[in-house]
N, C-alpha and C. Protein backbone atom coordinates (compact mmCIF):
# COMPACT_ATOMS: atom_id res chain seq x y z
N MET A 1 -39.56 83.10 45.21
CA MET A 1 -40.33 81.94 45.54
C MET A 1 -41.77 82.14 45.08
N THR A 2 -42.34 81.11 44.52
CA THR A 2 -43.70 81.19 44.01
C THR A 2 -44.69 80.93 45.13
N THR A 3 -45.69 81.79 45.20
CA THR A 3 -46.79 81.61 46.15
C THR A 3 -48.02 81.29 45.33
N TYR A 4 -48.74 80.24 45.74
CA TYR A 4 -49.97 79.86 45.05
C TYR A 4 -51.15 80.36 45.86
N LEU A 5 -52.06 81.05 45.17
CA LEU A 5 -53.26 81.60 45.80
C LEU A 5 -54.48 81.03 45.10
N ILE A 6 -55.58 80.91 45.86
CA ILE A 6 -56.82 80.40 45.27
C ILE A 6 -57.97 81.34 45.60
N LEU A 7 -58.92 81.37 44.68
CA LEU A 7 -60.18 82.09 44.86
C LEU A 7 -61.21 81.36 44.02
N ASP A 8 -62.25 80.88 44.66
CA ASP A 8 -63.31 80.14 43.98
C ASP A 8 -62.77 78.97 43.16
N GLY A 9 -61.78 78.25 43.71
CA GLY A 9 -61.22 77.08 43.05
C GLY A 9 -60.21 77.38 41.96
N GLN A 10 -60.02 78.66 41.66
CA GLN A 10 -59.03 79.02 40.64
C GLN A 10 -57.68 79.25 41.31
N LEU A 11 -56.63 78.85 40.64
CA LEU A 11 -55.27 78.95 41.16
C LEU A 11 -54.52 80.05 40.45
N ARG A 12 -53.72 80.76 41.22
CA ARG A 12 -52.89 81.82 40.65
C ARG A 12 -51.51 81.72 41.30
N ALA A 13 -50.47 81.75 40.48
CA ALA A 13 -49.09 81.69 40.97
C ALA A 13 -48.50 83.08 40.89
N GLU A 14 -47.94 83.55 42.00
CA GLU A 14 -47.34 84.88 42.04
C GLU A 14 -46.00 84.84 42.76
N THR A 15 -45.11 85.77 42.40
CA THR A 15 -43.82 85.86 43.06
C THR A 15 -43.60 87.23 43.71
N ASP A 16 -44.36 88.22 43.29
CA ASP A 16 -44.19 89.57 43.80
C ASP A 16 -44.99 89.75 45.10
N ALA A 17 -44.29 90.15 46.17
CA ALA A 17 -44.92 90.29 47.49
C ALA A 17 -46.05 91.32 47.48
N GLU A 18 -45.90 92.41 46.76
CA GLU A 18 -46.94 93.44 46.72
C GLU A 18 -48.20 92.91 46.01
N VAL A 19 -48.00 92.20 44.92
CA VAL A 19 -49.14 91.63 44.19
C VAL A 19 -49.85 90.61 45.08
N ILE A 20 -49.09 89.81 45.79
CA ILE A 20 -49.68 88.80 46.68
C ILE A 20 -50.51 89.48 47.76
N ALA A 21 -49.94 90.50 48.38
CA ALA A 21 -50.66 91.21 49.44
C ALA A 21 -51.95 91.84 48.89
N ASN A 22 -51.89 92.41 47.70
CA ASN A 22 -53.06 93.04 47.08
C ASN A 22 -54.13 91.98 46.78
N LEU A 23 -53.72 90.83 46.27
CA LEU A 23 -54.68 89.77 45.97
C LEU A 23 -55.34 89.24 47.25
N LYS A 24 -54.57 89.13 48.31
CA LYS A 24 -55.14 88.65 49.58
C LYS A 24 -56.18 89.64 50.12
N ARG A 25 -55.95 90.94 49.91
CA ARG A 25 -56.95 91.94 50.32
C ARG A 25 -58.23 91.78 49.51
N LYS A 26 -58.11 91.23 48.31
CA LYS A 26 -59.27 91.03 47.44
C LYS A 26 -59.94 89.68 47.65
N GLY A 27 -59.47 88.90 48.65
CA GLY A 27 -60.12 87.64 48.96
C GLY A 27 -59.38 86.38 48.56
N TRP A 28 -58.26 86.51 47.87
CA TRP A 28 -57.48 85.34 47.52
C TRP A 28 -56.83 84.80 48.79
N THR A 29 -56.74 83.48 48.90
CA THR A 29 -56.11 82.85 50.07
C THR A 29 -54.99 81.92 49.60
N ASP A 30 -54.14 81.58 50.57
CA ASP A 30 -53.04 80.67 50.24
C ASP A 30 -53.60 79.31 49.85
N ALA A 31 -53.08 78.77 48.77
CA ALA A 31 -53.47 77.43 48.33
C ALA A 31 -52.75 76.40 49.20
N PRO A 32 -53.27 75.19 49.27
CA PRO A 32 -52.52 74.14 49.97
C PRO A 32 -51.16 73.98 49.31
N ALA A 33 -50.19 73.51 50.08
CA ALA A 33 -48.84 73.34 49.55
C ALA A 33 -48.86 72.39 48.36
N LYS A 34 -48.07 72.73 47.35
CA LYS A 34 -47.96 71.88 46.17
C LYS A 34 -47.19 70.62 46.56
N PRO A 35 -47.80 69.44 46.43
CA PRO A 35 -47.17 68.22 46.94
C PRO A 35 -45.94 67.75 46.18
N SER A 36 -45.84 68.10 44.90
CA SER A 36 -44.66 67.71 44.12
C SER A 36 -44.56 68.62 42.90
N ASP A 37 -43.40 68.62 42.28
CA ASP A 37 -43.19 69.49 41.12
C ASP A 37 -44.10 69.16 39.96
N ASP A 38 -44.49 67.89 39.82
CA ASP A 38 -45.32 67.50 38.68
C ASP A 38 -46.82 67.58 38.97
N ALA A 39 -47.19 68.02 40.18
CA ALA A 39 -48.61 68.14 40.52
C ALA A 39 -49.27 69.22 39.65
N GLN A 40 -50.53 68.97 39.30
CA GLN A 40 -51.30 69.90 38.48
C GLN A 40 -52.55 70.33 39.25
N TRP A 41 -52.92 71.58 39.13
CA TRP A 41 -54.13 72.08 39.78
C TRP A 41 -55.32 71.73 38.88
N THR A 42 -56.22 70.91 39.40
CA THR A 42 -57.37 70.46 38.63
C THR A 42 -58.60 70.44 39.52
N ASP A 43 -59.66 71.09 39.07
CA ASP A 43 -60.92 71.10 39.80
C ASP A 43 -60.76 71.49 41.26
N GLY A 44 -59.95 72.50 41.53
CA GLY A 44 -59.81 73.03 42.88
C GLY A 44 -58.91 72.24 43.80
N ALA A 45 -58.07 71.36 43.26
CA ALA A 45 -57.16 70.57 44.11
C ALA A 45 -55.91 70.19 43.32
N TRP A 46 -54.84 69.92 44.06
CA TRP A 46 -53.61 69.44 43.44
C TRP A 46 -53.79 67.97 43.09
N ILE A 47 -53.47 67.61 41.89
CA ILE A 47 -53.52 66.22 41.44
C ILE A 47 -52.10 65.81 41.05
N VAL A 48 -51.63 64.73 41.69
CA VAL A 48 -50.30 64.21 41.37
C VAL A 48 -50.49 63.07 40.38
N PRO A 49 -49.94 63.21 39.16
CA PRO A 49 -50.11 62.13 38.19
C PRO A 49 -49.41 60.86 38.67
N PRO A 50 -49.95 59.73 38.31
CA PRO A 50 -49.30 58.48 38.73
C PRO A 50 -47.93 58.34 38.07
N ALA A 51 -47.06 57.64 38.76
CA ALA A 51 -45.72 57.41 38.20
C ALA A 51 -45.86 56.59 36.92
N PRO A 52 -45.04 56.89 35.93
CA PRO A 52 -45.10 56.09 34.71
C PRO A 52 -44.72 54.65 35.00
N THR A 53 -45.30 53.75 34.26
CA THR A 53 -45.00 52.33 34.45
C THR A 53 -44.39 51.75 33.18
N TYR A 54 -43.58 50.72 33.38
CA TYR A 54 -42.88 50.09 32.27
C TYR A 54 -42.86 48.58 32.49
N SER A 55 -42.73 47.84 31.41
CA SER A 55 -42.48 46.40 31.54
C SER A 55 -41.02 46.25 31.97
N PRO A 56 -40.66 45.10 32.54
CA PRO A 56 -39.25 44.91 32.93
C PRO A 56 -38.28 45.10 31.75
N GLU A 57 -38.69 44.63 30.58
CA GLU A 57 -37.81 44.79 29.41
C GLU A 57 -37.65 46.25 29.02
N GLN A 58 -38.76 46.99 29.04
CA GLN A 58 -38.68 48.42 28.71
C GLN A 58 -37.77 49.15 29.70
N TRP A 59 -37.95 48.85 30.99
CA TRP A 59 -37.18 49.54 32.02
C TRP A 59 -35.69 49.23 31.87
N THR A 60 -35.36 47.97 31.63
CA THR A 60 -33.96 47.60 31.46
C THR A 60 -33.36 48.28 30.23
N SER A 61 -34.12 48.28 29.13
CA SER A 61 -33.58 48.88 27.89
C SER A 61 -33.49 50.40 27.96
N MET A 62 -34.19 51.00 28.90
CA MET A 62 -34.04 52.46 29.10
C MET A 62 -32.69 52.79 29.71
N HIS A 63 -32.09 51.80 30.40
CA HIS A 63 -30.83 52.04 31.10
C HIS A 63 -29.63 51.40 30.43
N PHE A 64 -29.85 50.28 29.72
CA PHE A 64 -28.74 49.54 29.11
C PHE A 64 -29.12 49.05 27.73
N SER A 65 -28.22 49.24 26.78
CA SER A 65 -28.44 48.71 25.44
C SER A 65 -28.12 47.22 25.45
N PRO A 66 -28.60 46.48 24.45
CA PRO A 66 -28.25 45.06 24.38
C PRO A 66 -26.73 44.83 24.34
N MET A 67 -26.02 45.73 23.67
CA MET A 67 -24.57 45.59 23.59
C MET A 67 -23.93 45.77 24.98
N GLN A 68 -24.46 46.69 25.77
CA GLN A 68 -23.92 46.90 27.11
C GLN A 68 -24.19 45.69 28.01
N VAL A 69 -25.38 45.11 27.91
CA VAL A 69 -25.70 43.92 28.70
C VAL A 69 -24.75 42.79 28.33
N SER A 70 -24.53 42.61 27.04
CA SER A 70 -23.61 41.57 26.58
C SER A 70 -22.19 41.84 27.09
N ALA A 71 -21.76 43.08 27.02
CA ALA A 71 -20.41 43.43 27.48
C ALA A 71 -20.26 43.17 28.97
N LEU A 72 -21.28 43.49 29.76
CA LEU A 72 -21.21 43.23 31.20
C LEU A 72 -21.10 41.74 31.48
N GLN A 73 -21.83 40.94 30.71
CA GLN A 73 -21.73 39.48 30.87
C GLN A 73 -20.32 39.00 30.52
N ARG A 74 -19.73 39.56 29.48
CA ARG A 74 -18.38 39.17 29.09
C ARG A 74 -17.35 39.60 30.14
N PHE A 75 -17.56 40.79 30.74
CA PHE A 75 -16.66 41.21 31.83
C PHE A 75 -16.75 40.25 33.00
N GLU A 76 -17.98 39.85 33.34
CA GLU A 76 -18.16 38.89 34.44
C GLU A 76 -17.43 37.59 34.13
N PHE A 77 -17.60 37.10 32.92
CA PHE A 77 -16.94 35.85 32.51
C PHE A 77 -15.42 36.00 32.57
N ALA A 78 -14.89 37.13 32.09
CA ALA A 78 -13.45 37.35 32.11
C ALA A 78 -12.91 37.40 33.54
N LEU A 79 -13.65 38.01 34.44
CA LEU A 79 -13.24 38.05 35.84
C LEU A 79 -13.23 36.64 36.45
N LEU A 80 -14.27 35.88 36.16
CA LEU A 80 -14.34 34.51 36.68
C LEU A 80 -13.21 33.66 36.13
N GLN A 81 -12.91 33.80 34.84
CA GLN A 81 -11.81 33.04 34.23
C GLN A 81 -10.47 33.41 34.85
N ALA A 82 -10.33 34.69 35.21
CA ALA A 82 -9.08 35.15 35.81
C ALA A 82 -9.02 34.82 37.30
N GLY A 83 -10.08 34.23 37.83
CA GLY A 83 -10.11 33.88 39.25
C GLY A 83 -10.27 35.08 40.16
N LYS A 84 -10.84 36.14 39.63
CA LYS A 84 -11.01 37.37 40.41
C LYS A 84 -12.49 37.56 40.75
N PRO A 85 -12.76 38.10 41.92
CA PRO A 85 -14.15 38.31 42.31
C PRO A 85 -14.75 39.53 41.59
N LEU A 86 -16.07 39.51 41.51
CA LEU A 86 -16.75 40.70 41.00
C LEU A 86 -16.62 41.80 42.05
N GLY A 87 -16.44 43.01 41.60
CA GLY A 87 -16.39 44.14 42.53
C GLY A 87 -17.79 44.50 43.02
N PRO A 88 -17.89 45.44 43.93
CA PRO A 88 -19.19 45.79 44.49
C PRO A 88 -20.18 46.34 43.46
N LEU A 89 -19.69 47.10 42.49
CA LEU A 89 -20.60 47.65 41.47
C LEU A 89 -21.11 46.55 40.56
N MET A 90 -20.20 45.71 40.10
CA MET A 90 -20.61 44.60 39.23
C MET A 90 -21.55 43.65 39.97
N THR A 91 -21.28 43.39 41.23
CA THR A 91 -22.14 42.50 42.02
C THR A 91 -23.54 43.09 42.15
N ALA A 92 -23.61 44.38 42.49
CA ALA A 92 -24.92 45.04 42.65
C ALA A 92 -25.66 45.09 41.32
N LEU A 93 -24.96 45.39 40.25
CA LEU A 93 -25.62 45.47 38.94
C LEU A 93 -26.08 44.10 38.47
N LYS A 94 -25.28 43.07 38.74
CA LYS A 94 -25.68 41.71 38.37
C LYS A 94 -26.95 41.32 39.13
N ALA A 95 -27.01 41.64 40.41
CA ALA A 95 -28.21 41.32 41.20
C ALA A 95 -29.42 42.09 40.67
N TRP A 96 -29.24 43.34 40.29
CA TRP A 96 -30.34 44.15 39.74
C TRP A 96 -30.84 43.54 38.43
N MET A 97 -29.90 43.18 37.56
CA MET A 97 -30.29 42.60 36.27
C MET A 97 -30.97 41.24 36.44
N GLU A 98 -30.50 40.45 37.39
CA GLU A 98 -31.17 39.18 37.66
C GLU A 98 -32.58 39.42 38.20
N GLY A 99 -32.74 40.45 39.01
CA GLY A 99 -34.06 40.82 39.50
C GLY A 99 -34.98 41.23 38.36
N MET A 100 -34.45 41.94 37.39
CA MET A 100 -35.25 42.34 36.24
C MET A 100 -35.62 41.12 35.40
N LEU A 101 -34.71 40.18 35.32
CA LEU A 101 -34.98 38.94 34.58
C LEU A 101 -36.12 38.17 35.25
N VAL A 102 -36.08 38.05 36.56
CA VAL A 102 -37.15 37.38 37.30
C VAL A 102 -38.46 38.15 37.13
N ALA A 103 -38.39 39.47 37.18
CA ALA A 103 -39.59 40.30 37.04
C ALA A 103 -40.22 40.14 35.66
N SER A 104 -39.42 39.79 34.66
CA SER A 104 -39.94 39.67 33.30
C SER A 104 -40.90 38.50 33.12
N VAL A 105 -40.99 37.62 34.12
CA VAL A 105 -41.97 36.54 34.08
C VAL A 105 -43.38 37.13 34.03
N ASP A 106 -43.56 38.27 34.70
CA ASP A 106 -44.83 38.99 34.67
C ASP A 106 -44.61 40.31 33.94
N PRO A 107 -44.99 40.41 32.67
CA PRO A 107 -44.70 41.61 31.89
C PRO A 107 -45.62 42.81 32.18
N THR A 108 -46.44 42.71 33.22
CA THR A 108 -47.34 43.81 33.56
C THR A 108 -46.54 45.08 33.81
N PRO A 109 -46.90 46.19 33.16
CA PRO A 109 -46.19 47.45 33.42
C PRO A 109 -46.33 47.89 34.88
N ARG A 110 -45.22 48.32 35.46
CA ARG A 110 -45.20 48.79 36.84
C ARG A 110 -43.94 49.61 37.04
N THR A 111 -43.68 50.01 38.27
CA THR A 111 -42.48 50.80 38.54
C THR A 111 -41.38 49.88 39.08
N PHE A 112 -40.14 50.25 38.80
CA PHE A 112 -38.98 49.50 39.24
C PHE A 112 -37.94 50.46 39.80
N SER A 113 -37.04 49.91 40.59
CA SER A 113 -35.95 50.74 41.12
C SER A 113 -34.93 51.00 40.01
N ALA A 114 -34.21 52.08 40.17
CA ALA A 114 -33.15 52.41 39.22
C ALA A 114 -31.99 51.44 39.41
N PRO A 115 -31.20 51.22 38.38
CA PRO A 115 -30.03 50.35 38.55
C PRO A 115 -29.08 50.96 39.56
N PRO A 116 -28.31 50.13 40.26
CA PRO A 116 -27.42 50.64 41.31
C PRO A 116 -26.24 51.45 40.79
N CYS A 117 -25.91 51.29 39.51
CA CYS A 117 -24.81 52.06 38.92
C CYS A 117 -24.97 52.06 37.40
N SER A 118 -24.17 52.85 36.75
CA SER A 118 -24.21 52.94 35.30
C SER A 118 -23.35 51.84 34.68
N TYR A 119 -23.56 51.65 33.39
CA TYR A 119 -22.72 50.72 32.63
C TYR A 119 -21.26 51.15 32.71
N GLU A 120 -21.04 52.45 32.57
CA GLU A 120 -19.67 52.97 32.57
C GLU A 120 -18.96 52.65 33.88
N ALA A 121 -19.64 52.88 35.02
CA ALA A 121 -19.02 52.64 36.32
C ALA A 121 -18.70 51.16 36.52
N ALA A 122 -19.66 50.30 36.19
CA ALA A 122 -19.45 48.86 36.36
C ALA A 122 -18.35 48.34 35.43
N SER A 123 -18.34 48.80 34.19
CA SER A 123 -17.33 48.30 33.25
C SER A 123 -15.94 48.81 33.62
N LEU A 124 -15.83 50.04 34.10
CA LEU A 124 -14.52 50.54 34.54
C LEU A 124 -14.00 49.72 35.72
N GLU A 125 -14.89 49.39 36.65
CA GLU A 125 -14.50 48.56 37.78
C GLU A 125 -13.99 47.20 37.29
N ALA A 126 -14.72 46.59 36.35
CA ALA A 126 -14.35 45.27 35.84
C ALA A 126 -13.01 45.32 35.10
N VAL A 127 -12.82 46.30 34.25
CA VAL A 127 -11.58 46.41 33.48
C VAL A 127 -10.39 46.61 34.44
N SER A 128 -10.58 47.45 35.45
CA SER A 128 -9.51 47.67 36.42
C SER A 128 -9.13 46.37 37.12
N ALA A 129 -10.13 45.58 37.50
CA ALA A 129 -9.87 44.32 38.20
C ALA A 129 -9.19 43.32 37.27
N ILE A 130 -9.59 43.28 36.01
CA ILE A 130 -8.99 42.35 35.05
C ILE A 130 -7.52 42.72 34.82
N GLN A 131 -7.20 44.01 34.78
CA GLN A 131 -5.85 44.46 34.50
C GLN A 131 -4.92 44.36 35.68
N GLU A 132 -5.43 44.09 36.87
CA GLU A 132 -4.55 43.99 38.06
C GLU A 132 -3.68 42.77 38.01
């Protein structure tokens, strides 16, 4: 386990108990707990970088290709034509995608929730329902 020590605003990471004990005898003290894995020690304090932001279109395209979006729409249409309901994964993913569509009215970059399931999971559910 890594122990973070500070002296005069400088940070030092150590794992060896003997080295840590020796440094503490020399005046090093325990640093405040690191708040997250991506935190960086800057100017004597932990700085957590802001979460990356994306436009709704960027965020959607990071998770689904245009071909996958089209395929999901076709699966939905095929289920409706067959008189079968959307399964829970398809329903949740459809609601997420509609939310992203509404969010695209304001293209300001921001953070969004992850999709409720993958393309693979939703499409497998749809194909299974169509084949029943």
